[in-house]
Structure formats: C-alpha cells, structure tokens
C-alpha cells in the first residue's frame, strides 16, 4: 500500500457540533451543543483562543494577524504528545481537540516567516478537566468533520435505527464503509500535506485513502454516540490511519482488525476493503496488532 503523508492538517470545523453523553452512560445519542455559560477567552492582537468548551474536550482558535502567510497551531499537554495543525489565516475559528485528557495544556499560534521558519504570535496555558473522558472522541473535529446532515451520518442513522447493541452498530457501520468505498491508489500516490477528507464528496465518489475510510467510519460511529479515535501511525513502514472504538463494558478495543461478532480493535477499514473483511490474508497481516504503531489520536 502506498505511503500516506498527513502531517499538518487544516480545515474549518462545521458549525453544528454534537455534544457528548452524560458522564455515567453512553446509551443516549448526542444532541447539538449549547452555548457554554462561562466564556473563557485568551487573546492578543494576533490570535484568540476560546477555551469556553475545554471541559467538553476542545478549544477554538482564530488568527487575527491579517497576514497572508501560513499559520500553525500547536496544542501540547504538559509531558504529553505535541499536536501541530494548520490554521486558516482569514480569521475564521477552527476547533482543536484536547485528546490527552485532564491536565495543563499550552496552545501556541505561529506565523510563517520564511521557508519553514515560524515565529510565535501568541501562546496561553489552559487547565483542562473534562466533563467526560470520552468527549474528545465524540465531537466532530478537523479530522472527523461532519454535521447531522452529512450523508454518511444520515446513513449511519438508517443503518442503526433498529439496533441497541453497540457491537451490532459498529458491525453495521463497518461493513457499510468497507463495502461502499474502494481504495483510491491515484490519490494515495499524490496526496499532499494538509489533505483533509470532505465526507460528502467521498461518499458520492465512493473512493478514498486510509484517512478517508477512517474519518468516515469515525464520523458515523461518533454520530451514534460511540466513542471513536481516529489514529495516525505506522502499519509496517507505511504512514497510515485507522480507528479504535470504545464499547461500554468492554473498553477500548484495539487488538484485531477482523470483526468476529465480539471483538473489534485497530478497526482498519482500508485493509478490510482491500483484502476482504473476512479474509485469512487480512487476519494473518494484522495478527495481534503488533504491525501497528500509533502516533496520534484525534
């Protein structure tokens, strides 16, 4: 499979965010987010960081400097993984997830100076206490960008309308994605840094790369109230994207790509579609999951 390079990714998060479930349950479906009562905004003349929804698992960042240059945002938890994103330079707010859980985060905005050199435009620290640890993996974000009207989300509602068992819901979504999409080798060979899936377009053209597969499946599952991590890392020596799923009572499932009616993990719909969801070749490659090394989770 072709290597895929997806490092700094950027796009506007569509306005309709879906809220997470109550802390004690994952049974109810998300509803549109309400405006937070406490407004917490950090800013200077070049950037604004809205941390009003930090307890919901995300911050919103806007660049105010007015320069037509490349802008980056770095979100780092103390002693955690460093996440770097692109940010538009038009002043439009974008949402960035707080995927490392509770703790102290630093959000820094950078302006491009020349070539690959950047200068700091603004930085602030945010204390995060999540209302629910699953929240960062239940909302839309730059990598899993959807609304209630996104075509695959509407399809997920149809597929799971009569289902209550979460594993059955995952199974229905999984088989839809691997059956609906075929792998786009041409795109995989030419994809550039900054690529972001547009889920309605992918749904219509019925092709995609691993990022597209994982993003679509994550959107469908999140929209049905199932926490889902879109993971970037390495499958062998290829940079790749897949998903991990949380099932209530079972935890995060991350050992097998193959769904046997009970166990899910490293649910990699690209390989399933390419090799066949039940193929022995697929199970032999994935094995115990040791071929996968995760780097980032969104």
C-alpha atoms as a PDB file:
ATOM      1  CA  UNK A   1       0.000   0.000   0.000  1.00  0.00           C
ATOM      2  CA  UNK A   2       1.261   3.467  -0.832  1.00  0.00           C
ATOM      3  CA  UNK A   3       2.685   5.571   1.959  1.00  0.00           C
ATOM      4  CA  UNK A   4       0.422   8.399   3.021  1.00  0.00           C
ATOM      5  CA  UNK A   5       1.838  11.580   4.472  1.00  0.00           C
ATOM      6  CA  UNK A   6      -0.699  13.536   6.500  1.00  0.00           C
ATOM      7  CA  UNK A   7       1.063  15.804   8.920  1.00  0.00           C
ATOM      8  CA  UNK A   8      -0.257  19.330   9.361  1.00  0.00           C
ATOM      9  CA  UNK A   9      -3.999  19.105   8.613  1.00  0.00           C
ATOM     10  CA  UNK A  10      -6.390  22.022   8.452  1.00  0.00           C
ATOM     11  CA  UNK A  11      -9.992  22.861   7.734  1.00  0.00           C
ATOM     12  CA  UNK A  12     -12.888  24.699   9.253  1.00  0.00           C
ATOM     13  CA  UNK A  13     -14.966  22.665  11.686  1.00  0.00           C
ATOM     14  CA  UNK A  14     -18.578  22.930  10.536  1.00  0.00           C
ATOM     15  CA  UNK A  15     -20.774  24.864  12.923  1.00  0.00           C
ATOM     16  CA  UNK A  16     -23.089  22.168  14.234  1.00  0.00           C
ATOM     17  CA  UNK A  17     -21.186  20.336  16.957  1.00  0.00           C
ATOM     18  CA  UNK A  18     -22.673  17.301  18.655  1.00  0.00           C
ATOM     19  CA  UNK A  19     -22.429  17.130  22.425  1.00  0.00           C
ATOM     20  CA  UNK A  20     -21.173  14.114  24.340  1.00  0.00           C
ATOM     21  CA  UNK A  21     -23.150  11.841  26.520  1.00  0.00           C
ATOM     22  CA  UNK A  22     -23.706  12.134  30.244  1.00  0.00           C
ATOM     23  CA  UNK A  23     -20.687  11.014  32.290  1.00  0.00           C
ATOM     24  CA  UNK A  24     -22.239   7.779  33.511  1.00  0.00           C
ATOM     25  CA  UNK A  25     -23.632   6.429  30.248  1.00  0.00           C
ATOM     26  CA  UNK A  26     -23.024   6.053  26.553  1.00  0.00           C
ATOM     27  CA  UNK A  27     -26.561   4.974  25.757  1.00  0.00           C
ATOM     28  CA  UNK A  28     -28.165   8.250  24.638  1.00  0.00           C
ATOM     29  CA  UNK A  29     -27.391   9.982  21.375  1.00  0.00           C
ATOM     30  CA  UNK A  30     -25.518  13.297  21.247  1.00  0.00           C
ATOM     31  CA  UNK A  31     -27.517  16.482  20.789  1.00  0.00           C
ATOM     32  CA  UNK A  32     -26.468  19.863  19.408  1.00  0.00           C
ATOM     33  CA  UNK A  33     -24.110  21.673  21.751  1.00  0.00           C
ATOM     34  CA  UNK A  34     -25.488  24.561  23.772  1.00  0.00           C
ATOM     35  CA  UNK A  35     -23.584  27.772  24.302  1.00  0.00           C
ATOM     36  CA  UNK A  36     -21.425  27.476  27.391  1.00  0.00           C
ATOM     37  CA  UNK A  37     -22.376  29.684  30.342  1.00  0.00           C
ATOM     38  CA  UNK A  38     -18.745  30.504  31.184  1.00  0.00           C
ATOM     39  CA  UNK A  39     -16.879  32.322  28.429  1.00  0.00           C
ATOM     40  CA  UNK A  40     -13.115  31.928  28.754  1.00  0.00           C
ATOM     41  CA  UNK A  41     -11.143  33.702  26.026  1.00  0.00           C
ATOM     42  CA  UNK A  42      -7.392  34.361  25.799  1.00  0.00           C
ATOM     43  CA  UNK A  43      -6.092  36.718  23.127  1.00  0.00           C
ATOM     44  CA  UNK A  44      -3.736  39.350  21.864  1.00  0.00           C
ATOM     45  CA  UNK A  45      -3.744  41.343  18.626  1.00  0.00           C
ATOM     46  CA  UNK A  46      -2.741  38.330  16.538  1.00  0.00           C
ATOM     47  CA  UNK A  47      -4.729  35.377  17.850  1.00  0.00           C
ATOM     48  CA  UNK A  48      -7.673  34.341  20.006  1.00  0.00           C
ATOM     49  CA  UNK A  49      -8.083  31.089  21.927  1.00  0.00           C
ATOM     50  CA  UNK A  50     -11.606  30.369  23.146  1.00  0.00           C
ATOM     51  CA  UNK A  51     -11.374  27.831  25.967  1.00  0.00           C
ATOM     52  CA  UNK A  52     -15.035  28.062  26.974  1.00  0.00           C
ATOM     53  CA  UNK A  53     -15.565  24.436  25.965  1.00  0.00           C
ATOM     54  CA  UNK A  54     -12.352  22.983  27.372  1.00  0.00           C
ATOM     55  CA  UNK A  55     -14.414  20.752  29.682  1.00  0.00           C
ATOM     56  CA  UNK A  56     -16.120  19.415  26.559  1.00  0.00           C
ATOM     57  CA  UNK A  57     -12.763  18.419  25.103  1.00  0.00           C
ATOM     58  CA  UNK A  58     -11.930  21.156  22.605  1.00  0.00           C
ATOM     59  CA  UNK A  59     -10.735  24.729  22.127  1.00  0.00           C
ATOM     60  CA  UNK A  60     -11.460  27.147  19.292  1.00  0.00           C
ATOM     61  CA  UNK A  61      -8.624  29.184  17.788  1.00  0.00           C
ATOM     62  CA  UNK A  62      -8.692  32.164  15.412  1.00  0.00           C
ATOM     63  CA  UNK A  63      -5.808  34.004  13.752  1.00  0.00           C
ATOM     64  CA  UNK A  64      -6.299  37.790  13.873  1.00  0.00           C
ATOM     65  CA  UNK A  65      -2.979  38.985  12.468  1.00  0.00           C
ATOM     66  CA  UNK A  66      -4.259  39.656   8.953  1.00  0.00           C
ATOM     67  CA  UNK A  67      -1.115  38.339   7.231  1.00  0.00           C
ATOM     68  CA  UNK A  68      -1.462  36.161   4.140  1.00  0.00           C
ATOM     69  CA  UNK A  69       1.018  33.562   5.390  1.00  0.00           C
ATOM     70  CA  UNK A  70       0.837  30.007   6.611  1.00  0.00           C
ATOM     71  CA  UNK A  71      -0.349  29.741  10.222  1.00  0.00           C
ATOM     72  CA  UNK A  72       0.143  26.827  12.584  1.00  0.00           C
ATOM     73  CA  UNK A  73      -1.326  25.893  15.945  1.00  0.00           C
ATOM     74  CA  UNK A  74       0.447  23.679  18.443  1.00  0.00           C
ATOM     75  CA  UNK A  75      -1.566  22.012  21.234  1.00  0.00           C
ATOM     76  CA  UNK A  76       0.589  20.370  23.859  1.00  0.00           C
ATOM     77  CA  UNK A  77      -0.268  18.836  27.208  1.00  0.00           C
ATOM     78  CA  UNK A  78       2.379  19.062  29.912  1.00  0.00           C
ATOM     79  CA  UNK A  79       4.524  15.923  29.497  1.00  0.00           C
ATOM     80  CA  UNK A  80       2.213  14.816  26.667  1.00  0.00           C
ATOM     81  CA  UNK A  81       2.238  14.446  22.897  1.00  0.00           C
ATOM     82  CA  UNK A  82       2.723  17.563  20.785  1.00  0.00           C
ATOM     83  CA  UNK A  83      -0.011  18.094  18.172  1.00  0.00           C
ATOM     84  CA  UNK A  84       0.642  20.566  15.339  1.00  0.00           C
ATOM     85  CA  UNK A  85      -2.077  21.767  12.967  1.00  0.00           C
ATOM     86  CA  UNK A  86      -2.529  24.274  10.160  1.00  0.00           C
ATOM     87  CA  UNK A  87      -4.872  27.210  10.848  1.00  0.00           C
ATOM     88  CA  UNK A  88      -6.501  29.391   8.214  1.00  0.00           C
ATOM     89  CA  UNK A  89      -5.248  32.997   8.060  1.00  0.00           C
ATOM     90  CA  UNK A  90      -8.653  34.575   7.364  1.00  0.00           C
ATOM     91  CA  UNK A  91      -9.770  34.874  10.983  1.00  0.00           C
ATOM     92  CA  UNK A  92     -12.273  32.031  10.799  1.00  0.00           C
ATOM     93  CA  UNK A  93     -12.381  29.994  14.057  1.00  0.00           C
ATOM     94  CA  UNK A  94     -11.278  26.377  13.969  1.00  0.00           C
ATOM     95  CA  UNK A  95     -11.726  23.704  16.603  1.00  0.00           C
ATOM     96  CA  UNK A  96      -8.896  21.601  18.028  1.00  0.00           C
ATOM     97  CA  UNK A  97      -9.476  18.571  20.282  1.00  0.00           C
ATOM     98  CA  UNK A  98      -7.888  18.055  23.688  1.00  0.00           C
ATOM     99  CA  UNK A  99      -7.121  14.389  23.214  1.00  0.00           C
ATOM    100  CA  UNK A 100      -4.647  13.882  26.056  1.00  0.00           C
ATOM    101  CA  UNK A 101      -7.222  14.032  28.868  1.00  0.00           C
ATOM    102  CA  UNK A 102      -7.155  16.171  32.005  1.00  0.00           C
ATOM    103  CA  UNK A 103      -4.199  18.403  32.727  1.00  0.00           C
ATOM    104  CA  UNK A 104      -2.418  21.600  31.728  1.00  0.00           C
ATOM    105  CA  UNK A 105      -2.292  22.394  28.002  1.00  0.00           C
ATOM    106  CA  UNK A 106      -0.385  25.047  26.103  1.00  0.00           C
ATOM    107  CA  UNK A 107      -1.935  26.421  22.904  1.00  0.00           C
ATOM    108  CA  UNK A 108       0.501  28.321  20.692  1.00  0.00           C
ATOM    109  CA  UNK A 109      -0.121  30.103  17.387  1.00  0.00           C
ATOM    110  CA  UNK A 110       2.760  30.582  14.918  1.00  0.00           C
ATOM    111  CA  UNK A 111       3.175  32.745  11.812  1.00  0.00           C
ATOM    112  CA  UNK A 112       5.384  31.688   8.919  1.00  0.00           C
ATOM    113  CA  UNK A 113       8.394  33.973   8.477  1.00  0.00           C
ATOM    114  CA  UNK A 114      10.263  32.441   5.545  1.00  0.00           C
ATOM    115  CA  UNK A 115      10.661  28.941   4.145  1.00  0.00           C
ATOM    116  CA  UNK A 116       9.948  26.565   7.051  1.00  0.00           C
ATOM    117  CA  UNK A 117      10.680  29.079   9.802  1.00  0.00           C
ATOM    118  CA  UNK A 118       7.912  30.331  12.104  1.00  0.00           C
ATOM    119  CA  UNK A 119       7.654  32.958  14.821  1.00  0.00           C
ATOM    120  CA  UNK A 120       5.352  32.793  17.835  1.00  0.00           C
ATOM    121  CA  UNK A 121       2.299  35.026  17.510  1.00  0.00           C
ATOM    122  CA  UNK A 122       0.562  34.048  20.762  1.00  0.00           C
ATOM    123  CA  UNK A 123       0.608  31.419  23.484  1.00  0.00           C
ATOM    124  CA  UNK A 124      -1.550  30.616  26.509  1.00  0.00           C
ATOM    125  CA  UNK A 125      -1.954  27.873  29.107  1.00  0.00           C
ATOM    126  CA  UNK A 126      -5.277  26.171  29.839  1.00  0.00           C
ATOM    127  CA  UNK A 127      -6.202  23.944  32.772  1.00  0.00           C
ATOM    128  CA  UNK A 128      -8.460  21.154  31.488  1.00  0.00           C
ATOM    129  CA  UNK A 129     -10.840  18.983  33.492  1.00  0.00           C
ATOM    130  CA  UNK A 130     -13.015  17.016  31.095  1.00  0.00           C
ATOM    131  CA  UNK A 131     -16.663  16.572  31.954  1.00  0.00           C
ATOM    132  CA  UNK A 132     -16.375  13.112  30.449  1.00  0.00           C
ATOM    133  CA  UNK A 133     -13.141  11.395  29.305  1.00  0.00           C
ATOM    134  CA  UNK A 134     -14.785  10.271  26.047  1.00  0.00           C
ATOM    135  CA  UNK A 135     -15.730  13.784  24.907  1.00  0.00           C
ATOM    136  CA  UNK A 136     -12.737  14.442  22.617  1.00  0.00           C
ATOM    137  CA  UNK A 137     -13.723  11.326  20.660  1.00  0.00           C
ATOM    138  CA  UNK A 138     -17.436  12.096  20.360  1.00  0.00           C
ATOM    139  CA  UNK A 139     -17.288  15.541  18.746  1.00  0.00           C
ATOM    140  CA  UNK A 140     -16.532  16.463  15.150  1.00  0.00           C
ATOM    141  CA  UNK A 141     -13.091  17.975  14.588  1.00  0.00           C
ATOM    142  CA  UNK A 142     -10.743  18.838  11.724  1.00  0.00           C
ATOM    143  CA  UNK A 143     -10.031  15.194  11.011  1.00  0.00           C
ATOM    144  CA  UNK A 144     -13.575  13.903  11.505  1.00  0.00           C
ATOM    145  CA  UNK A 145     -15.626  16.792  10.129  1.00  0.00           C
ATOM    146  CA  UNK A 146     -19.395  16.293   9.981  1.00  0.00           C
ATOM    147  CA  UNK A 147     -22.803  17.646  10.910  1.00  0.00           C
ATOM    148  CA  UNK A 148     -26.160  15.947  11.420  1.00  0.00           C
ATOM    149  CA  UNK A 149     -26.799  16.468   7.675  1.00  0.00           C
ATOM    150  CA  UNK A 150     -23.596  14.853   6.398  1.00  0.00           C
ATOM    151  CA  UNK A 151     -24.556  11.972   4.098  1.00  0.00           C
ATOM    152  CA  UNK A 152     -22.655   9.236   5.898  1.00  0.00           C
ATOM    153  CA  UNK A 153     -24.118  10.410   9.224  1.00  0.00           C
ATOM    154  CA  UNK A 154     -27.638  10.189   7.815  1.00  0.00           C
ATOM    155  CA  UNK A 155     -26.757   6.714   6.541  1.00  0.00           C
ATOM    156  CA  UNK A 156     -25.466   5.704   9.984  1.00  0.00           C
ATOM    157  CA  UNK A 157     -28.823   6.648  11.498  1.00  0.00           C
ATOM    158  CA  UNK A 158     -30.588   4.474   8.921  1.00  0.00           C
ATOM    159  CA  UNK A 159     -28.270   1.515   9.443  1.00  0.00           C
ATOM    160  CA  UNK A 160     -28.592   1.539  13.228  1.00  0.00           C
ATOM    161  CA  UNK A 161     -32.227   2.636  13.607  1.00  0.00           C
ATOM    162  CA  UNK A 162     -33.358  -0.734  14.974  1.00  0.00           C
ATOM    163  CA  UNK A 163     -30.145  -1.609  16.830  1.00  0.00           C
ATOM    164  CA  UNK A 164     -29.406  -1.182  20.525  1.00  0.00           C
ATOM    165  CA  UNK A 165     -26.286  -3.334  20.879  1.00  0.00           C
ATOM    166  CA  UNK A 166     -23.185  -1.210  20.296  1.00  0.00           C
ATOM    167  CA  UNK A 167     -21.201  -4.027  18.701  1.00  0.00           C
ATOM    168  CA  UNK A 168     -24.013  -4.585  16.213  1.00  0.00           C
ATOM    169  CA  UNK A 169     -23.985  -0.862  15.437  1.00  0.00           C
ATOM    170  CA  UNK A 170     -20.231  -0.943  14.853  1.00  0.00           C
ATOM    171  CA  UNK A 171     -20.607  -4.022  12.680  1.00  0.00           C
ATOM    172  CA  UNK A 172     -23.286  -2.364  10.544  1.00  0.00           C
ATOM    173  CA  UNK A 173     -21.242   0.800  10.038  1.00  0.00           C
ATOM    174  CA  UNK A 174     -18.030  -1.134   9.424  1.00  0.00           C
ATOM    175  CA  UNK A 175     -19.464  -3.327   6.679  1.00  0.00           C
ATOM    176  CA  UNK A 176     -21.131  -0.346   5.040  1.00  0.00           C
ATOM    177  CA  UNK A 177     -17.864   1.615   4.832  1.00  0.00           C
ATOM    178  CA  UNK A 178     -15.731  -1.269   3.555  1.00  0.00           C
ATOM    179  CA  UNK A 179     -18.421  -2.154   1.034  1.00  0.00           C
ATOM    180  CA  UNK A 180     -19.180   1.401  -0.092  1.00  0.00           C
ATOM    181  CA  UNK A 181     -15.620   2.653  -0.632  1.00  0.00           C
ATOM    182  CA  UNK A 182     -12.820   1.378  -2.821  1.00  0.00           C
ATOM    183  CA  UNK A 183      -9.186   2.340  -2.333  1.00  0.00           C
ATOM    184  CA  UNK A 184      -8.022   5.318  -4.399  1.00  0.00           C
ATOM    185  CA  UNK A 185      -4.474   4.405  -5.441  1.00  0.00           C
ATOM    186  CA  UNK A 186      -4.054   7.523  -7.546  1.00  0.00           C
ATOM    187  CA  UNK A 187      -4.910   9.813  -4.632  1.00  0.00           C
ATOM    188  CA  UNK A 188      -2.690   7.793  -2.293  1.00  0.00           C
ATOM    189  CA  UNK A 189       0.233   8.346  -4.652  1.00  0.00           C
ATOM    190  CA  UNK A 190      -0.327  12.100  -4.986  1.00  0.00           C
ATOM    191  CA  UNK A 191      -1.821  13.259  -1.669  1.00  0.00           C
ATOM    192  CA  UNK A 192      -0.208  16.369  -0.212  1.00  0.00           C
ATOM    193  CA  UNK A 193       0.395  17.559   3.335  1.00  0.00           C
ATOM    194  CA  UNK A 194      -2.714  19.366   4.542  1.00  0.00           C
ATOM    195  CA  UNK A 195      -5.172  16.936   2.953  1.00  0.00           C
ATOM    196  CA  UNK A 196      -8.489  16.711   4.777  1.00  0.00           C
ATOM    197  CA  UNK A 197     -11.398  14.377   3.954  1.00  0.00           C
ATOM    198  CA  UNK A 198     -14.591  16.027   2.712  1.00  0.00           C
ATOM    199  CA  UNK A 199     -17.015  13.314   3.728  1.00  0.00           C
ATOM    200  CA  UNK A 200     -19.902  14.157   1.390  1.00  0.00           C
ATOM    201  CA  UNK A 201     -17.545  14.130  -1.600  1.00  0.00           C
ATOM    202  CA  UNK A 202     -16.022  10.832  -0.526  1.00  0.00           C
ATOM    203  CA  UNK A 203     -19.475   9.360  -0.004  1.00  0.00           C
ATOM    204  CA  UNK A 204     -20.531  10.359  -3.525  1.00  0.00           C
ATOM    205  CA  UNK A 205     -17.410   9.275  -5.396  1.00  0.00           C
ATOM    206  CA  UNK A 206     -17.158   6.051  -3.315  1.00  0.00           C
ATOM    207  CA  UNK A 207     -13.361   6.050  -3.238  1.00  0.00           C
ATOM    208  CA  UNK A 208     -10.785   7.161  -0.719  1.00  0.00           C
ATOM    209  CA  UNK A 209      -7.464   6.664   1.012  1.00  0.00           C
ATOM    210  CA  UNK A 210      -6.971   5.279   4.513  1.00  0.00           C
ATOM    211  CA  UNK A 211      -7.582   8.706   6.073  1.00  0.00           C
ATOM    212  CA  UNK A 212     -10.928   8.907   4.243  1.00  0.00           C
ATOM    213  CA  UNK A 213     -12.025   5.439   5.338  1.00  0.00           C
ATOM    214  CA  UNK A 214     -11.132   6.072   8.958  1.00  0.00           C
ATOM    215  CA  UNK A 215     -12.687   9.547   9.021  1.00  0.00           C
ATOM    216  CA  UNK A 216     -15.975   8.337   7.556  1.00  0.00           C
ATOM    217  CA  UNK A 217     -16.286   5.421   9.937  1.00  0.00           C
ATOM    218  CA  UNK A 218     -15.365   7.599  12.910  1.00  0.00           C
ATOM    219  CA  UNK A 219     -17.964  10.206  11.937  1.00  0.00           C
ATOM    220  CA  UNK A 220     -20.671   7.579  11.597  1.00  0.00           C
ATOM    221  CA  UNK A 221     -19.883   5.988  14.958  1.00  0.00           C
ATOM    222  CA  UNK A 222     -19.494   9.252  16.850  1.00  0.00           C
ATOM    223  CA  UNK A 223     -22.811  10.457  15.490  1.00  0.00           C
ATOM    224  CA  UNK A 224     -24.407   7.369  17.046  1.00  0.00           C
ATOM    225  CA  UNK A 225     -22.856   8.032  20.441  1.00  0.00           C
ATOM    226  CA  UNK A 226     -19.964   5.555  20.194  1.00  0.00           C
ATOM    227  CA  UNK A 227     -16.553   6.990  21.161  1.00  0.00           C
ATOM    228  CA  UNK A 228     -14.086   6.513  18.350  1.00  0.00           C
ATOM    229  CA  UNK A 229     -10.431   7.512  17.961  1.00  0.00           C
ATOM    230  CA  UNK A 230      -9.062   8.286  14.531  1.00  0.00           C
ATOM    231  CA  UNK A 231      -5.462   7.133  14.895  1.00  0.00           C
ATOM    232  CA  UNK A 232      -2.445   8.041  12.794  1.00  0.00           C
ATOM    233  CA  UNK A 233       0.649   5.916  12.974  1.00  0.00           C
ATOM    234  CA  UNK A 234       2.579   3.248  11.144  1.00  0.00           C
ATOM    235  CA  UNK A 235       1.442  -0.051   9.673  1.00  0.00           C
ATOM    236  CA  UNK A 236       4.818  -1.584   8.982  1.00  0.00           C
ATOM    237  CA  UNK A 237       6.752   1.278   7.375  1.00  0.00           C
ATOM    238  CA  UNK A 238       3.695   2.995   5.864  1.00  0.00           C
ATOM    239  CA  UNK A 239       2.118   6.044   7.494  1.00  0.00           C
ATOM    240  CA  UNK A 240      -1.482   5.074   7.929  1.00  0.00           C
ATOM    241  CA  UNK A 241      -4.816   5.906   9.562  1.00  0.00           C
ATOM    242  CA  UNK A 242      -7.218   3.597  11.392  1.00  0.00           C
ATOM    243  CA  UNK A 243      -9.745   3.728  14.228  1.00  0.00           C
ATOM    244  CA  UNK A 244     -10.134   2.389  17.738  1.00  0.00           C
ATOM    245  CA  UNK A 245     -13.618   2.019  19.230  1.00  0.00           C
ATOM    246  CA  UNK A 246     -14.867   2.161  22.811  1.00  0.00           C
ATOM    247  CA  UNK A 247     -17.635  -0.285  23.730  1.00  0.00           C
ATOM    248  CA  UNK A 248     -19.342   0.150  27.073  1.00  0.00           C
ATOM    249  CA  UNK A 249     -18.441  -2.740  29.372  1.00  0.00           C
ATOM    250  CA  UNK A 250     -15.540  -3.815  27.137  1.00  0.00           C
ATOM    251  CA  UNK A 251     -13.328  -0.720  26.963  1.00  0.00           C
ATOM    252  CA  UNK A 252     -11.188   0.462  24.066  1.00  0.00           C
ATOM    253  CA  UNK A 253     -10.892  -2.344  21.536  1.00  0.00           C
ATOM    254  CA  UNK A 254      -7.528  -2.240  19.825  1.00  0.00           C
ATOM    255  CA  UNK A 255      -6.179  -5.720  19.145  1.00  0.00           C
ATOM    256  CA  UNK A 256      -7.703  -7.039  15.887  1.00  0.00           C
ATOM    257  CA  UNK A 257      -8.889  -5.571  12.630  1.00  0.00           C
ATOM    258  CA  UNK A 258     -11.193  -8.505  11.979  1.00  0.00           C
ATOM    259  CA  UNK A 259     -14.702  -8.376  13.442  1.00  0.00           C
ATOM    260  CA  UNK A 260     -15.862 -11.759  14.690  1.00  0.00           C
ATOM    261  CA  UNK A 261     -19.125 -10.578  16.247  1.00  0.00           C
ATOM    262  CA  UNK A 262     -17.487  -9.855  19.609  1.00  0.00           C
ATOM    263  CA  UNK A 263     -14.070  -8.241  19.297  1.00  0.00           C
ATOM    264  CA  UNK A 264     -13.045  -5.076  17.478  1.00  0.00           C
ATOM    265  CA  UNK A 265      -9.859  -3.069  17.578  1.00  0.00           C
ATOM    266  CA  UNK A 266      -7.480  -1.352  15.236  1.00  0.00           C
ATOM    267  CA  UNK A 267     -10.566  -1.315  13.065  1.00  0.00           C
ATOM    268  CA  UNK A 268      -8.801  -0.516   9.809  1.00  0.00           C
ATOM    269  CA  UNK A 269     -11.442  -0.310   7.088  1.00  0.00           C
ATOM    270  CA  UNK A 270      -8.896   0.302   4.314  1.00  0.00           C
ATOM    271  CA  UNK A 271      -7.211  -3.084   4.638  1.00  0.00           C
ATOM    272  CA  UNK A 272     -10.571  -4.760   5.187  1.00  0.00           C
ATOM    273  CA  UNK A 273     -11.917  -3.329   1.955  1.00  0.00           C
ATOM    274  CA  UNK A 274      -8.754  -4.183   0.013  1.00  0.00           C
ATOM    275  CA  UNK A 275      -8.259  -7.713   1.314  1.00  0.00           C
ATOM    276  CA  UNK A 276     -11.843  -8.620   2.179  1.00  0.00           C
ATOM    277  CA  UNK A 277     -13.327  -8.239   5.654  1.00  0.00           C
ATOM    278  CA  UNK A 278     -13.149 -11.950   6.442  1.00  0.00           C
ATOM    279  CA  UNK A 279     -10.024 -12.952   4.570  1.00  0.00           C
ATOM    280  CA  UNK A 280      -7.319 -15.114   6.116  1.00  0.00           C
ATOM    281  CA  UNK A 281      -4.728 -12.849   4.444  1.00  0.00           C
ATOM    282  CA  UNK A 282      -6.088  -9.903   6.384  1.00  0.00           C
ATOM    283  CA  UNK A 283      -6.048 -11.706   9.723  1.00  0.00           C
ATOM    284  CA  UNK A 284      -2.535 -13.004   9.079  1.00  0.00           C
ATOM    285  CA  UNK A 285      -1.221  -9.496   8.343  1.00  0.00           C
ATOM    286  CA  UNK A 286      -2.851  -7.840  11.335  1.00  0.00           C
ATOM    287  CA  UNK A 287      -2.192 -10.725  13.708  1.00  0.00           C
ATOM    288  CA  UNK A 288      -2.010  -9.454  17.282  1.00  0.00           C
ATOM    289  CA  UNK A 289      -1.802  -5.808  16.244  1.00  0.00           C
ATOM    290  CA  UNK A 290       1.996  -5.585  16.565  1.00  0.00           C
ATOM    291  CA  UNK A 291       2.283  -4.360  12.953  1.00  0.00           C
ATOM    292  CA  UNK A 292       0.605  -1.106  14.049  1.00  0.00           C
ATOM    293  CA  UNK A 293       2.349   1.666  15.974  1.00  0.00           C
ATOM    294  CA  UNK A 294       0.070   4.551  16.921  1.00  0.00           C
ATOM    295  CA  UNK A 295       1.442   8.106  16.935  1.00  0.00           C
ATOM    296  CA  UNK A 296      -1.522  10.493  17.179  1.00  0.00           C
ATOM    297  CA  UNK A 297      -5.189  10.089  18.106  1.00  0.00           C
ATOM    298  CA  UNK A 298      -7.893  12.564  17.092  1.00  0.00           C
END
